[in-house]
């Protein structure tokens, strides 16, 4: 494992911890899209189907368990917790996220590296992860005023994917025959979706002002 992969994993983990901190300590999910969190739960559930069949390393298994557990915990908090669910803004979180599930699944059925159930589901998770942030970005544009923890959560999610791109570049330069077009293209699409957010995030940080996205 190289430094970019490790940094990407730790940044991804930090994004989850920031979100759980907001939900558990403040008892609020204001500004967080339940639609995005449901999509991430599906992403991890379909990607880590091999958790009980293929052992790679203790680190790998622990990370899978953390992301599976945290994603479903967040969905439960937002849907069922007596206090947290009251802060969820359902009226603003209206992105029809179920409509992107079928296209991602169909794309995985036709464009994959190997036609097996596990491989298709892994590929489906890549395609879905690439667009899972869309409901969250739409919600932030509608609410405009973004609290610090929500802004940090979204920034860390985007940074994680950017670090993974550096990891792929490093591996391409140092490992013979390392070519994986599907995760590369999916990762680039995912990173590009954050471009507008990154611009306003750094602008607010540079000018020491509250983060706002244009309507």
N, C-alpha and C. Protein backbone atom coordinates (compact mmCIF):
# COMPACT_ATOMS: atom_id res chain seq x y z
N UNK A 1 0.84 -1.19 0.00
CA UNK A 1 0.00 0.00 0.00
C UNK A 1 0.88 1.25 0.00
N UNK A 2 0.60 2.18 -0.91
CA UNK A 2 1.39 3.40 -0.98
C UNK A 2 0.74 4.51 -0.15
N UNK A 3 1.46 5.62 0.00
CA UNK A 3 1.03 6.70 0.87
C UNK A 3 -0.27 7.34 0.38
N UNK A 4 -0.48 7.39 -0.95
CA UNK A 4 -1.69 8.00 -1.48
C UNK A 4 -2.92 7.17 -1.17
N UNK A 5 -2.78 5.84 -1.28
CA UNK A 5 -3.89 4.94 -0.95
C UNK A 5 -4.23 5.05 0.54
N UNK A 6 -3.21 5.04 1.39
CA UNK A 6 -3.44 5.14 2.82
C UNK A 6 -4.08 6.48 3.19
N UNK A 7 -3.57 7.55 2.59
CA UNK A 7 -4.14 8.88 2.85
C UNK A 7 -5.58 8.96 2.38
N UNK A 8 -5.88 8.33 1.23
CA UNK A 8 -7.24 8.30 0.73
C UNK A 8 -8.17 7.56 1.68
N UNK A 9 -7.73 6.41 2.17
CA UNK A 9 -8.54 5.63 3.11
C UNK A 9 -8.78 6.40 4.40
N UNK A 10 -7.74 7.05 4.91
CA UNK A 10 -7.88 7.79 6.16
C UNK A 10 -8.77 9.03 5.98
N UNK A 11 -8.69 9.65 4.83
CA UNK A 11 -9.56 10.80 4.54
C UNK A 11 -11.01 10.36 4.43
N UNK A 12 -11.22 9.22 3.78
CA UNK A 12 -12.58 8.67 3.68
C UNK A 12 -13.12 8.34 5.07
N UNK A 13 -12.28 7.73 5.88
CA UNK A 13 -12.68 7.41 7.24
C UNK A 13 -12.98 8.67 8.04
N UNK A 14 -12.16 9.71 7.85
CA UNK A 14 -12.37 10.97 8.55
C UNK A 14 -13.71 11.60 8.17
N UNK A 15 -14.10 11.48 6.90
CA UNK A 15 -15.39 12.03 6.47
C UNK A 15 -16.54 11.36 7.21
N UNK A 16 -16.44 10.05 7.36
CA UNK A 16 -17.48 9.31 8.09
C UNK A 16 -17.52 9.72 9.55
N UNK A 17 -16.34 9.87 10.16
CA UNK A 17 -16.27 10.25 11.57
C UNK A 17 -16.83 11.65 11.80
N UNK A 18 -16.57 12.56 10.86
CA UNK A 18 -17.11 13.92 10.97
C UNK A 18 -18.64 13.89 10.93
N UNK A 19 -19.18 13.09 10.02
CA UNK A 19 -20.64 12.99 9.91
C UNK A 19 -21.25 12.35 11.15
N UNK A 20 -20.62 11.28 11.64
CA UNK A 20 -21.12 10.63 12.85
C UNK A 20 -21.01 11.56 14.06
N UNK A 21 -19.95 12.38 14.10
CA UNK A 21 -19.79 13.36 15.17
C UNK A 21 -20.95 14.35 15.16
N UNK A 22 -21.27 14.82 13.98
CA UNK A 22 -22.38 15.77 13.84
C UNK A 22 -23.69 15.14 14.31
N UNK A 23 -23.95 13.92 13.87
CA UNK A 23 -25.22 13.26 14.17
C UNK A 23 -25.31 12.84 15.64
N UNK A 24 -24.22 12.26 16.15
CA UNK A 24 -24.27 11.68 17.50
C UNK A 24 -24.17 12.73 18.60
N UNK A 25 -23.30 13.71 18.42
CA UNK A 25 -23.09 14.69 19.50
C UNK A 25 -24.07 15.85 19.43
N UNK A 26 -24.32 16.37 18.23
CA UNK A 26 -25.22 17.51 18.08
C UNK A 26 -26.67 17.05 17.96
N UNK A 27 -26.85 15.75 17.65
CA UNK A 27 -28.18 15.18 17.44
C UNK A 27 -28.91 15.91 16.31
N UNK A 28 -28.16 16.15 15.23
CA UNK A 28 -28.74 16.84 14.09
C UNK A 28 -28.18 16.29 12.79
N UNK A 29 -29.05 16.18 11.79
CA UNK A 29 -28.59 15.80 10.45
C UNK A 29 -28.97 16.89 9.46
N UNK A 30 -29.15 18.10 9.96
CA UNK A 30 -29.50 19.23 9.09
C UNK A 30 -28.43 19.41 8.02
N UNK A 31 -28.87 19.57 6.79
CA UNK A 31 -27.95 19.76 5.67
C UNK A 31 -27.41 18.48 5.08
N UNK A 32 -27.77 17.33 5.65
CA UNK A 32 -27.30 16.03 5.16
C UNK A 32 -28.41 15.36 4.36
N UNK A 33 -28.06 14.84 3.20
CA UNK A 33 -29.02 14.18 2.33
C UNK A 33 -29.16 12.70 2.70
N UNK A 34 -30.35 12.31 3.12
CA UNK A 34 -30.62 10.89 3.37
C UNK A 34 -30.49 10.09 2.09
N UNK A 35 -30.84 10.70 0.96
CA UNK A 35 -30.77 10.00 -0.33
C UNK A 35 -29.32 9.59 -0.63
N UNK A 36 -28.39 10.50 -0.40
CA UNK A 36 -26.98 10.17 -0.61
C UNK A 36 -26.52 9.08 0.35
N UNK A 37 -26.94 9.16 1.60
CA UNK A 37 -26.53 8.16 2.58
C UNK A 37 -27.09 6.78 2.24
N UNK A 38 -28.30 6.72 1.72
CA UNK A 38 -28.87 5.45 1.29
C UNK A 38 -28.10 4.88 0.10
N UNK A 39 -27.70 5.75 -0.81
CA UNK A 39 -26.91 5.29 -1.95
C UNK A 39 -25.56 4.74 -1.50
N UNK A 40 -24.92 5.41 -0.55
CA UNK A 40 -23.64 4.91 -0.04
C UNK A 40 -23.80 3.57 0.66
N UNK A 41 -24.89 3.38 1.37
CA UNK A 41 -25.14 2.09 2.01
C UNK A 41 -25.25 0.98 0.96
N UNK A 42 -25.90 1.29 -0.15
CA UNK A 42 -26.02 0.32 -1.25
C UNK A 42 -24.66 0.08 -1.89
N UNK A 43 -23.87 1.14 -2.04
CA UNK A 43 -22.53 1.03 -2.61
C UNK A 43 -21.70 0.03 -1.81
N UNK A 44 -21.64 0.22 -0.51
CA UNK A 44 -20.80 -0.64 0.33
C UNK A 44 -21.36 -2.06 0.43
N UNK A 45 -22.68 -2.18 0.48
CA UNK A 45 -23.28 -3.51 0.57
C UNK A 45 -23.00 -4.33 -0.68
N UNK A 46 -23.02 -3.70 -1.85
CA UNK A 46 -22.76 -4.42 -3.10
C UNK A 46 -21.27 -4.62 -3.34
N UNK A 47 -20.44 -3.73 -2.83
CA UNK A 47 -18.99 -3.85 -3.05
C UNK A 47 -18.34 -4.88 -2.14
N UNK A 48 -18.85 -5.01 -0.93
CA UNK A 48 -18.19 -5.86 0.06
C UNK A 48 -18.92 -7.17 0.29
N UNK A 49 -19.52 -7.71 -0.74
CA UNK A 49 -20.17 -9.01 -0.65
C UNK A 49 -19.17 -10.13 -0.35
N UNK A 50 -17.89 -9.84 -0.62
CA UNK A 50 -16.86 -10.87 -0.42
C UNK A 50 -16.26 -10.84 0.99
N UNK A 51 -16.85 -10.05 1.89
CA UNK A 51 -16.21 -9.86 3.19
C UNK A 51 -16.06 -11.15 3.99
N UNK A 52 -16.99 -12.10 3.79
CA UNK A 52 -16.92 -13.35 4.54
C UNK A 52 -16.38 -14.52 3.71
N UNK A 53 -15.98 -14.24 2.48
CA UNK A 53 -15.47 -15.31 1.61
C UNK A 53 -14.02 -15.13 1.21
N UNK A 54 -13.57 -13.87 1.05
CA UNK A 54 -12.20 -13.60 0.61
C UNK A 54 -11.48 -12.75 1.64
N UNK A 55 -10.48 -13.32 2.28
CA UNK A 55 -9.69 -12.56 3.26
C UNK A 55 -8.44 -12.04 2.58
N UNK A 56 -8.28 -10.71 2.58
CA UNK A 56 -7.11 -10.08 1.98
C UNK A 56 -6.12 -9.68 3.07
N UNK A 57 -6.61 -8.98 4.06
CA UNK A 57 -5.79 -8.58 5.20
C UNK A 57 -6.71 -8.12 6.32
N UNK A 58 -6.18 -8.04 7.52
CA UNK A 58 -6.97 -7.56 8.66
C UNK A 58 -7.39 -6.11 8.43
N UNK A 59 -6.46 -5.31 7.89
CA UNK A 59 -6.76 -3.91 7.59
C UNK A 59 -7.94 -3.81 6.62
N UNK A 60 -7.90 -4.60 5.55
CA UNK A 60 -8.95 -4.58 4.54
C UNK A 60 -10.30 -4.96 5.13
N UNK A 61 -10.33 -6.00 5.95
CA UNK A 61 -11.58 -6.46 6.56
C UNK A 61 -12.13 -5.43 7.53
N UNK A 62 -11.25 -4.82 8.33
CA UNK A 62 -11.69 -3.81 9.29
C UNK A 62 -12.30 -2.60 8.59
N UNK A 63 -11.66 -2.15 7.50
CA UNK A 63 -12.18 -1.01 6.76
C UNK A 63 -13.55 -1.33 6.16
N UNK A 64 -13.71 -2.54 5.64
CA UNK A 64 -15.00 -2.94 5.09
C UNK A 64 -16.08 -2.92 6.17
N UNK A 65 -15.77 -3.47 7.34
CA UNK A 65 -16.74 -3.50 8.43
C UNK A 65 -17.09 -2.10 8.91
N UNK A 66 -16.09 -1.22 8.96
CA UNK A 66 -16.33 0.15 9.40
C UNK A 66 -17.26 0.87 8.44
N UNK A 67 -17.00 0.77 7.13
CA UNK A 67 -17.83 1.49 6.17
C UNK A 67 -19.23 0.89 6.06
N UNK A 68 -19.34 -0.42 6.16
CA UNK A 68 -20.66 -1.04 6.17
C UNK A 68 -21.45 -0.62 7.40
N UNK A 69 -20.83 -0.75 8.56
CA UNK A 69 -21.51 -0.41 9.81
C UNK A 69 -21.89 1.06 9.89
N UNK A 70 -20.97 1.94 9.52
CA UNK A 70 -21.23 3.38 9.63
C UNK A 70 -22.31 3.84 8.65
N UNK A 71 -22.28 3.32 7.43
CA UNK A 71 -23.25 3.76 6.42
C UNK A 71 -24.67 3.38 6.82
N UNK A 72 -24.86 2.15 7.30
CA UNK A 72 -26.20 1.73 7.72
C UNK A 72 -26.61 2.40 9.03
N UNK A 73 -25.64 2.70 9.90
CA UNK A 73 -25.94 3.42 11.14
C UNK A 73 -26.45 4.83 10.85
N UNK A 74 -25.81 5.50 9.90
CA UNK A 74 -26.21 6.86 9.54
C UNK A 74 -27.63 6.86 8.98
N UNK A 75 -27.93 5.90 8.10
CA UNK A 75 -29.29 5.80 7.55
C UNK A 75 -30.29 5.55 8.68
N UNK A 76 -29.94 4.67 9.61
CA UNK A 76 -30.85 4.41 10.73
C UNK A 76 -31.09 5.65 11.57
N UNK A 77 -30.01 6.37 11.89
CA UNK A 77 -30.14 7.60 12.66
C UNK A 77 -31.10 8.58 11.99
N UNK A 78 -30.92 8.78 10.68
CA UNK A 78 -31.70 9.78 9.96
C UNK A 78 -33.15 9.35 9.77
N UNK A 79 -33.38 8.05 9.73
CA UNK A 79 -34.74 7.56 9.53
C UNK A 79 -35.49 7.28 10.83
N UNK A 80 -34.78 6.82 11.87
CA UNK A 80 -35.46 6.25 13.03
C UNK A 80 -35.16 6.89 14.38
N UNK A 81 -34.03 7.59 14.53
CA UNK A 81 -33.70 8.16 15.83
C UNK A 81 -34.71 9.25 16.19
N UNK A 82 -35.21 9.20 17.42
CA UNK A 82 -36.29 10.10 17.83
C UNK A 82 -35.95 11.57 17.68
N UNK A 83 -34.69 11.93 17.96
CA UNK A 83 -34.29 13.34 17.90
C UNK A 83 -33.71 13.69 16.53
N UNK A 84 -32.77 12.88 16.04
CA UNK A 84 -32.05 13.20 14.81
C UNK A 84 -32.99 13.33 13.61
N UNK A 85 -33.95 12.45 13.51
CA UNK A 85 -34.82 12.47 12.33
C UNK A 85 -35.65 13.74 12.21
N UNK A 86 -35.87 14.44 13.34
CA UNK A 86 -36.65 15.68 13.29
C UNK A 86 -35.90 16.80 12.58
N UNK A 87 -34.57 16.71 12.53
CA UNK A 87 -33.78 17.76 11.88
C UNK A 87 -33.57 17.50 10.39
N UNK A 88 -34.05 16.35 9.92
CA UNK A 88 -33.90 16.02 8.49
C UNK A 88 -34.88 16.83 7.66
N UNK A 89 -34.36 17.53 6.66
CA UNK A 89 -35.19 18.40 5.82
C UNK A 89 -35.65 17.64 4.57
N UNK A 90 -36.71 16.88 4.75
CA UNK A 90 -37.23 16.05 3.66
C UNK A 90 -37.75 16.90 2.50
N UNK A 91 -38.27 18.06 2.80
CA UNK A 91 -38.84 18.92 1.76
C UNK A 91 -37.79 19.41 0.77
N UNK A 92 -36.55 19.55 1.24
CA UNK A 92 -35.47 20.02 0.37
C UNK A 92 -34.71 18.87 -0.29
N UNK A 93 -34.72 17.71 0.36
CA UNK A 93 -33.96 16.55 -0.15
C UNK A 93 -34.86 15.74 -1.08
N UNK A 94 -35.07 16.26 -2.28
CA UNK A 94 -36.07 15.68 -3.19
C UNK A 94 -35.46 15.02 -4.42
N UNK A 95 -34.15 14.90 -4.47
CA UNK A 95 -33.51 14.25 -5.63
C UNK A 95 -34.02 12.81 -5.74
N UNK A 96 -34.46 12.41 -6.93
CA UNK A 96 -35.01 11.06 -7.12
C UNK A 96 -33.88 10.07 -7.33
N UNK A 97 -33.30 9.69 -6.21
CA UNK A 97 -32.07 8.89 -6.26
C UNK A 97 -32.30 7.48 -6.77
N UNK A 98 -33.49 6.96 -6.64
CA UNK A 98 -33.74 5.60 -7.11
C UNK A 98 -33.62 5.49 -8.64
N UNK A 99 -33.78 6.62 -9.31
CA UNK A 99 -33.72 6.60 -10.77
C UNK A 99 -32.31 6.39 -11.31
N UNK A 100 -31.29 6.55 -10.46
CA UNK A 100 -29.92 6.33 -10.93
C UNK A 100 -29.42 4.92 -10.62
N UNK A 101 -30.21 4.16 -9.85
CA UNK A 101 -29.80 2.79 -9.52
C UNK A 101 -29.85 1.88 -10.75
N UNK A 102 -30.94 1.91 -11.48
CA UNK A 102 -31.09 1.02 -12.63
C UNK A 102 -30.08 1.31 -13.73
N UNK A 103 -29.87 2.59 -14.11
CA UNK A 103 -28.83 2.86 -15.12
C UNK A 103 -27.45 2.36 -14.71
N UNK A 104 -27.10 2.52 -13.43
CA UNK A 104 -25.79 2.04 -12.95
C UNK A 104 -25.70 0.52 -13.03
N UNK A 105 -26.80 -0.17 -12.69
CA UNK A 105 -26.81 -1.63 -12.75
C UNK A 105 -26.73 -2.12 -14.19
N UNK A 106 -27.48 -1.48 -15.08
CA UNK A 106 -27.44 -1.87 -16.50
C UNK A 106 -26.06 -1.62 -17.09
N UNK A 107 -25.44 -0.51 -16.72
CA UNK A 107 -24.10 -0.21 -17.20
C UNK A 107 -23.11 -1.26 -16.72
N UNK A 108 -23.27 -1.70 -15.47
CA UNK A 108 -22.38 -2.73 -14.92
C UNK A 108 -22.59 -4.06 -15.62
N UNK A 109 -23.82 -4.36 -16.03
CA UNK A 109 -24.10 -5.62 -16.73
C UNK A 109 -23.46 -5.65 -18.12
N UNK A 110 -23.32 -4.48 -18.74
CA UNK A 110 -22.78 -4.42 -20.10
C UNK A 110 -21.30 -4.06 -20.14
N UNK A 111 -20.84 -3.27 -19.17
CA UNK A 111 -19.43 -2.84 -19.17
C UNK A 111 -18.81 -3.28 -17.85
N UNK A 112 -18.01 -4.34 -17.89
CA UNK A 112 -17.37 -4.91 -16.73
C UNK A 112 -16.09 -5.61 -17.17
N UNK A 113 -15.27 -6.01 -16.22
CA UNK A 113 -14.03 -6.71 -16.56
C UNK A 113 -14.23 -8.21 -16.68
N UNK A 114 -15.22 -8.74 -15.93
CA UNK A 114 -15.51 -10.17 -16.00
C UNK A 114 -16.97 -10.39 -15.62
N UNK A 115 -17.68 -11.22 -16.40
CA UNK A 115 -19.11 -11.40 -16.18
C UNK A 115 -19.37 -12.49 -15.14
N UNK A 116 -19.20 -12.10 -13.88
CA UNK A 116 -19.60 -12.95 -12.75
C UNK A 116 -20.44 -12.08 -11.82
N UNK A 117 -21.20 -12.70 -10.95
CA UNK A 117 -22.07 -11.94 -10.05
C UNK A 117 -21.27 -10.96 -9.19
N UNK A 118 -20.21 -11.44 -8.57
CA UNK A 118 -19.41 -10.60 -7.69
C UNK A 118 -18.76 -9.44 -8.44
N UNK A 119 -18.28 -9.73 -9.65
CA UNK A 119 -17.61 -8.69 -10.43
C UNK A 119 -18.61 -7.64 -10.90
N UNK A 120 -19.80 -8.07 -11.33
CA UNK A 120 -20.82 -7.13 -11.78
C UNK A 120 -21.26 -6.24 -10.62
N UNK A 121 -21.45 -6.83 -9.43
CA UNK A 121 -21.87 -6.04 -8.28
C UNK A 121 -20.77 -5.06 -7.85
N UNK A 122 -19.51 -5.50 -7.95
CA UNK A 122 -18.39 -4.59 -7.63
C UNK A 122 -18.36 -3.43 -8.62
N UNK A 123 -18.56 -3.72 -9.90
CA UNK A 123 -18.58 -2.68 -10.92
C UNK A 123 -19.77 -1.74 -10.72
N UNK A 124 -20.92 -2.32 -10.39
CA UNK A 124 -22.11 -1.51 -10.08
C UNK A 124 -21.83 -0.54 -8.95
N UNK A 125 -21.11 -0.99 -7.93
CA UNK A 125 -20.81 -0.12 -6.79
C UNK A 125 -19.92 1.05 -7.21
N UNK A 126 -19.02 0.82 -8.16
CA UNK A 126 -18.16 1.90 -8.65
C UNK A 126 -18.97 2.96 -9.39
N UNK A 127 -19.85 2.48 -10.28
CA UNK A 127 -20.68 3.42 -11.04
C UNK A 127 -21.60 4.20 -10.11
N UNK A 128 -22.18 3.51 -9.13
CA UNK A 128 -23.11 4.18 -8.22
C UNK A 128 -22.39 5.17 -7.31
N UNK A 129 -21.20 4.80 -6.84
CA UNK A 129 -20.44 5.71 -5.98
C UNK A 129 -20.08 6.99 -6.72
N UNK A 130 -19.85 6.87 -8.03
CA UNK A 130 -19.46 8.04 -8.82
C UNK A 130 -20.53 9.13 -8.79
N UNK A 131 -21.80 8.74 -8.65
CA UNK A 131 -22.89 9.72 -8.71
C UNK A 131 -23.67 9.82 -7.40
N UNK A 132 -23.27 9.06 -6.38
CA UNK A 132 -24.02 9.03 -5.12
C UNK A 132 -24.06 10.39 -4.42
N UNK A 133 -23.09 11.24 -4.68
CA UNK A 133 -23.02 12.53 -4.02
C UNK A 133 -24.01 13.55 -4.60
N UNK A 134 -24.61 13.25 -5.75
CA UNK A 134 -25.50 14.21 -6.42
C UNK A 134 -26.63 14.72 -5.53
N UNK A 135 -27.39 13.84 -4.84
CA UNK A 135 -28.44 14.38 -3.96
C UNK A 135 -27.91 15.33 -2.90
N UNK A 136 -26.71 15.04 -2.36
CA UNK A 136 -26.13 15.91 -1.34
C UNK A 136 -25.76 17.27 -1.93
N UNK A 137 -25.17 17.29 -3.10
CA UNK A 137 -24.79 18.55 -3.74
C UNK A 137 -26.03 19.38 -4.10
N UNK A 138 -27.07 18.72 -4.57
CA UNK A 138 -28.32 19.43 -4.89
C UNK A 138 -28.93 20.03 -3.62
N UNK A 139 -28.91 19.25 -2.52
CA UNK A 139 -29.44 19.76 -1.25
C UNK A 139 -28.66 20.98 -0.78
N UNK A 140 -27.34 20.94 -0.90
CA UNK A 140 -26.52 22.07 -0.47
C UNK A 140 -26.80 23.31 -1.31
N UNK A 141 -27.07 23.13 -2.59
CA UNK A 141 -27.41 24.27 -3.44
C UNK A 141 -28.74 24.88 -3.04
N UNK A 142 -29.67 24.05 -2.60
CA UNK A 142 -30.99 24.56 -2.22
C UNK A 142 -30.96 25.26 -0.87
N UNK A 143 -30.24 24.69 0.08
CA UNK A 143 -30.19 25.29 1.42
C UNK A 143 -29.20 26.44 1.49
N UNK A 144 -28.18 26.40 0.63
CA UNK A 144 -27.16 27.45 0.48
C UNK A 144 -26.27 27.61 1.70
N UNK A 145 -26.81 27.94 2.86
CA UNK A 145 -25.98 28.10 4.05
C UNK A 145 -25.57 26.73 4.57
N UNK A 146 -24.27 26.50 4.67
CA UNK A 146 -23.74 25.18 5.01
C UNK A 146 -22.94 25.29 6.30
N UNK A 147 -23.30 24.48 7.30
CA UNK A 147 -22.56 24.53 8.56
C UNK A 147 -21.18 23.90 8.38
N UNK A 148 -20.29 24.16 9.33
CA UNK A 148 -18.89 23.74 9.21
C UNK A 148 -18.73 22.23 9.07
N UNK A 149 -19.44 21.45 9.90
CA UNK A 149 -19.27 20.01 9.86
C UNK A 149 -19.77 19.41 8.54
N UNK A 150 -20.86 19.93 8.03
CA UNK A 150 -21.36 19.44 6.74
C UNK A 150 -20.38 19.78 5.63
N UNK A 151 -19.86 21.00 5.64
CA UNK A 151 -18.87 21.39 4.64
C UNK A 151 -17.62 20.54 4.71
N UNK A 152 -17.14 20.26 5.93
CA UNK A 152 -15.95 19.42 6.09
C UNK A 152 -16.22 18.00 5.62
N UNK A 153 -17.42 17.49 5.91
CA UNK A 153 -17.79 16.14 5.48
C UNK A 153 -17.71 16.00 3.96
N UNK A 154 -18.34 16.93 3.25
CA UNK A 154 -18.35 16.86 1.78
C UNK A 154 -16.95 17.08 1.22
N UNK A 155 -16.19 18.01 1.82
CA UNK A 155 -14.82 18.25 1.36
C UNK A 155 -13.96 16.99 1.51
N UNK A 156 -14.06 16.33 2.65
CA UNK A 156 -13.25 15.12 2.89
C UNK A 156 -13.64 14.00 1.93
N UNK A 157 -14.92 13.89 1.60
CA UNK A 157 -15.35 12.89 0.62
C UNK A 157 -14.71 13.14 -0.74
N UNK A 158 -14.70 14.40 -1.15
CA UNK A 158 -14.07 14.73 -2.43
C UNK A 158 -12.57 14.55 -2.40
N UNK A 159 -11.95 14.91 -1.27
CA UNK A 159 -10.50 14.77 -1.14
C UNK A 159 -10.09 13.30 -1.19
N UNK A 160 -10.91 12.45 -0.58
CA UNK A 160 -10.63 11.00 -0.61
C UNK A 160 -10.52 10.50 -2.04
N UNK A 161 -11.45 10.89 -2.88
CA UNK A 161 -11.41 10.42 -4.27
C UNK A 161 -10.23 11.02 -5.01
N UNK A 162 -9.90 12.28 -4.74
CA UNK A 162 -8.74 12.89 -5.38
C UNK A 162 -7.46 12.18 -5.02
N UNK A 163 -7.32 11.76 -3.76
CA UNK A 163 -6.13 11.02 -3.32
C UNK A 163 -6.07 9.64 -3.97
N UNK A 164 -7.22 9.05 -4.20
CA UNK A 164 -7.23 7.75 -4.88
C UNK A 164 -6.76 7.88 -6.33
N UNK A 165 -7.06 9.00 -6.95
CA UNK A 165 -6.57 9.22 -8.31
C UNK A 165 -5.05 9.31 -8.30
N UNK A 166 -4.49 9.99 -7.31
CA UNK A 166 -3.03 10.04 -7.17
C UNK A 166 -2.46 8.64 -6.93
N UNK A 167 -3.18 7.82 -6.17
CA UNK A 167 -2.78 6.44 -5.94
C UNK A 167 -2.72 5.66 -7.25
N UNK A 168 -3.73 5.86 -8.11
CA UNK A 168 -3.75 5.16 -9.40
C UNK A 168 -2.60 5.62 -10.30
N UNK A 169 -2.34 6.92 -10.29
CA UNK A 169 -1.22 7.45 -11.08
C UNK A 169 0.09 6.84 -10.60
N UNK A 170 0.27 6.80 -9.29
CA UNK A 170 1.50 6.24 -8.71
C UNK A 170 1.65 4.77 -9.09
N UNK A 171 0.59 4.01 -8.98
CA UNK A 171 0.65 2.59 -9.31
C UNK A 171 0.88 2.37 -10.81
N UNK A 172 0.31 3.22 -11.63
CA UNK A 172 0.52 3.11 -13.08
C UNK A 172 2.00 3.33 -13.43
N UNK A 173 2.63 4.26 -12.70
CA UNK A 173 4.03 4.57 -12.97
C UNK A 173 5.00 3.56 -12.37
N UNK A 174 4.57 2.84 -11.35
CA UNK A 174 5.49 1.94 -10.64
C UNK A 174 5.18 0.46 -10.81
N UNK A 175 3.98 0.11 -11.28
CA UNK A 175 3.60 -1.30 -11.43
C UNK A 175 3.40 -1.64 -12.90
N UNK A 176 4.06 -2.65 -13.40
CA UNK A 176 3.88 -3.06 -14.80
C UNK A 176 2.45 -3.54 -15.06
N UNK A 177 1.92 -3.13 -16.20
CA UNK A 177 0.61 -3.60 -16.68
C UNK A 177 -0.53 -3.22 -15.73
N UNK A 178 -0.38 -2.15 -14.99
CA UNK A 178 -1.46 -1.72 -14.10
C UNK A 178 -2.39 -0.79 -14.87
N UNK A 179 -3.48 -1.35 -15.38
CA UNK A 179 -4.49 -0.59 -16.13
C UNK A 179 -5.87 -1.07 -15.70
N UNK A 180 -6.68 -0.17 -15.17
CA UNK A 180 -8.05 -0.48 -14.75
C UNK A 180 -8.96 0.69 -15.14
N UNK A 181 -9.48 0.63 -16.34
CA UNK A 181 -10.22 1.76 -16.88
C UNK A 181 -11.51 2.05 -16.14
N UNK A 182 -12.22 1.03 -15.70
CA UNK A 182 -13.53 1.24 -15.07
C UNK A 182 -13.41 2.06 -13.79
N UNK A 183 -12.58 1.67 -12.81
CA UNK A 183 -12.45 2.52 -11.62
C UNK A 183 -11.82 3.87 -11.92
N UNK A 184 -10.94 3.94 -12.90
CA UNK A 184 -10.33 5.22 -13.25
C UNK A 184 -11.37 6.21 -13.74
N UNK A 185 -12.15 5.80 -14.72
CA UNK A 185 -13.14 6.71 -15.30
C UNK A 185 -14.22 7.06 -14.28
N UNK A 186 -14.67 6.07 -13.51
CA UNK A 186 -15.67 6.34 -12.48
C UNK A 186 -15.13 7.32 -11.45
N UNK A 187 -13.88 7.15 -11.05
CA UNK A 187 -13.27 8.04 -10.06
C UNK A 187 -13.10 9.45 -10.58
N UNK A 188 -12.75 9.59 -11.84
CA UNK A 188 -12.60 10.93 -12.43
C UNK A 188 -13.94 11.64 -12.50
N UNK A 189 -14.99 10.91 -12.93
CA UNK A 189 -16.34 11.49 -12.97
C UNK A 189 -16.75 11.95 -11.57
N UNK A 190 -16.51 11.10 -10.59
CA UNK A 190 -16.87 11.43 -9.21
C UNK A 190 -16.14 12.68 -8.73
N UNK A 191 -14.86 12.77 -9.02
CA UNK A 191 -14.07 13.93 -8.59
C UNK A 191 -14.54 15.21 -9.27
N UNK A 192 -14.89 15.12 -10.55
CA UNK A 192 -15.35 16.30 -11.29
C UNK A 192 -16.64 16.86 -10.71
N UNK A 193 -17.48 15.99 -10.16
CA UNK A 193 -18.74 16.46 -9.58
C UNK A 193 -18.49 17.37 -8.37
N UNK A 194 -17.33 17.22 -7.75
CA UNK A 194 -16.99 18.05 -6.58
C UNK A 194 -16.34 19.38 -6.97
N UNK A 195 -16.03 19.58 -8.23
CA UNK A 195 -15.23 20.73 -8.64
C UNK A 195 -15.85 22.05 -8.19
N UNK A 196 -17.15 22.21 -8.42
CA UNK A 196 -17.83 23.45 -8.06
C UNK A 196 -17.81 23.65 -6.55
N UNK A 197 -18.05 22.58 -5.79
CA UNK A 197 -18.03 22.67 -4.33
C UNK A 197 -16.64 23.06 -3.84
N UNK A 198 -15.59 22.43 -4.40
CA UNK A 198 -14.23 22.74 -3.99
C UNK A 198 -13.92 24.23 -4.19
N UNK A 199 -14.38 24.76 -5.31
CA UNK A 199 -14.11 26.18 -5.60
C UNK A 199 -14.68 27.07 -4.50
N UNK A 200 -15.93 26.86 -4.13
CA UNK A 200 -16.57 27.70 -3.12
C UNK A 200 -16.06 27.38 -1.71
N UNK A 201 -15.65 26.14 -1.49
CA UNK A 201 -15.08 25.78 -0.19
C UNK A 201 -13.76 26.53 0.05
N UNK A 202 -12.89 26.50 -0.93
CA UNK A 202 -11.60 27.18 -0.78
C UNK A 202 -11.77 28.71 -0.78
N UNK A 203 -12.76 29.19 -1.53
CA UNK A 203 -13.03 30.63 -1.55
C UNK A 203 -13.50 31.10 -0.17
N UNK A 204 -14.36 30.32 0.48
CA UNK A 204 -14.84 30.70 1.82
C UNK A 204 -13.71 30.62 2.84
N UNK A 205 -12.85 29.59 2.68
CA UNK A 205 -11.71 29.44 3.59
C UNK A 205 -10.71 30.58 3.42
N UNK A 206 -10.42 30.95 2.17
CA UNK A 206 -9.45 32.01 1.90
C UNK A 206 -9.93 33.36 2.41
N UNK A 207 -11.22 33.61 2.26
CA UNK A 207 -11.77 34.91 2.64
C UNK A 207 -12.42 34.90 4.02
N UNK A 208 -12.28 33.77 4.73
CA UNK A 208 -12.79 33.65 6.09
C UNK A 208 -14.27 34.03 6.18
N UNK A 209 -15.06 33.42 5.31
CA UNK A 209 -16.50 33.70 5.31
C UNK A 209 -17.27 32.39 5.29
N UNK A 210 -18.55 32.47 5.55
CA UNK A 210 -19.40 31.28 5.62
C UNK A 210 -19.54 30.65 4.24
N UNK A 211 -19.48 29.33 4.21
CA UNK A 211 -19.58 28.62 2.94
C UNK A 211 -21.01 28.69 2.40
N UNK A 212 -21.14 29.15 1.17
CA UNK A 212 -22.43 29.21 0.49
C UNK A 212 -22.26 28.76 -0.95
N UNK A 213 -23.21 27.99 -1.46
CA UNK A 213 -23.22 27.61 -2.85
C UNK A 213 -24.27 28.43 -3.59
N UNK A 214 -24.01 28.80 -4.85
CA UNK A 214 -25.00 29.58 -5.59
C UNK A 214 -26.26 28.77 -5.86
N UNK A 215 -27.39 29.40 -5.86
CA UNK A 215 -28.65 28.70 -6.11
C UNK A 215 -28.75 28.30 -7.57
